[in-house]
């Protein structure tokens, strides 16, 4: 069985981070009601999503 290639593993990690930070943003806003954490998680979620999309667009 072949192992995952490094770029594919990186894409999987970035996708997982995007989804996790999206969930944490929702939890922070609706459950914890902490504006500072909400903004931090949203920023990290956007950054990981943009990195994921940029890598997908340049991969062959």
Protein backbone atom coordinates (compact mmCIF):
# COMPACT_ATOMS: atom_id res chain seq x y z
CA UNK A 1 0.00 0.00 0.00
CA UNK A 2 1.44 3.32 -1.03
CA UNK A 3 1.74 6.09 1.52
CA UNK A 4 0.30 9.55 1.05
CA UNK A 5 2.44 11.97 -0.85
CA UNK A 6 3.58 14.99 1.21
CA UNK A 7 1.52 17.55 -0.76
CA UNK A 8 -1.60 15.41 -0.43
CA UNK A 9 -1.01 14.99 3.30
CA UNK A 10 -0.52 18.76 3.62
CA UNK A 11 -3.79 19.38 1.77
CA UNK A 12 -5.61 16.96 4.05
CA UNK A 13 -4.14 18.67 7.12
CA UNK A 14 -5.11 22.14 5.87
CA UNK A 15 -8.65 20.99 5.09
CA UNK A 16 -8.98 19.47 8.56
CA UNK A 17 -7.66 22.70 10.13
CA UNK A 18 -10.13 24.79 8.13
CA UNK A 19 -13.04 22.67 9.29
CA UNK A 20 -11.84 22.57 12.90
CA UNK A 21 -11.34 26.33 13.11
CA UNK A 22 -14.75 26.86 11.52
CA UNK A 23 -16.32 24.70 14.21
CA UNK A 24 -14.34 26.45 16.95
CA UNK A 25 -15.47 29.84 15.59
CA UNK A 26 -19.09 28.77 15.89
CA UNK A 27 -18.57 27.37 19.40
CA UNK A 28 -16.72 30.48 20.52
CA UNK A 29 -19.45 32.78 19.22
CA UNK A 30 -22.52 30.85 20.32
CA UNK A 31 -21.45 28.86 23.37
CA UNK A 32 -18.52 30.64 25.01
CA UNK A 33 -19.63 34.08 23.74
CA UNK A 34 -16.04 35.31 23.69
CA UNK A 35 -15.41 37.90 20.99
CA UNK A 36 -11.60 37.73 21.14
CA UNK A 37 -11.55 33.94 20.68
CA UNK A 38 -14.14 34.18 17.90
CA UNK A 39 -11.99 36.64 15.97
CA UNK A 40 -8.85 34.54 16.50
CA UNK A 41 -10.50 31.30 15.35
CA UNK A 42 -12.08 33.06 12.37
CA UNK A 43 -8.72 34.50 11.33
CA UNK A 44 -7.01 31.11 11.61
CA UNK A 45 -9.86 29.45 9.72
CA UNK A 46 -9.67 31.96 6.87
CA UNK A 47 -5.87 31.66 6.69
CA UNK A 48 -5.93 27.87 6.51
CA UNK A 49 -8.74 27.91 3.95
CA UNK A 50 -6.91 30.38 1.72
CA UNK A 51 -3.71 28.35 1.98
CA UNK A 52 -5.63 25.20 1.07
CA UNK A 53 -7.24 26.84 -1.96
CA UNK A 54 -3.93 28.35 -3.13
CA UNK A 55 -2.20 24.97 -2.94
CA UNK A 56 -5.04 23.22 -4.77
CA UNK A 57 -4.87 25.77 -7.58
CA UNK A 58 -1.10 25.42 -8.15
CA UNK A 59 -0.84 21.63 -7.82
CA UNK A 60 -0.57 19.75 -11.14
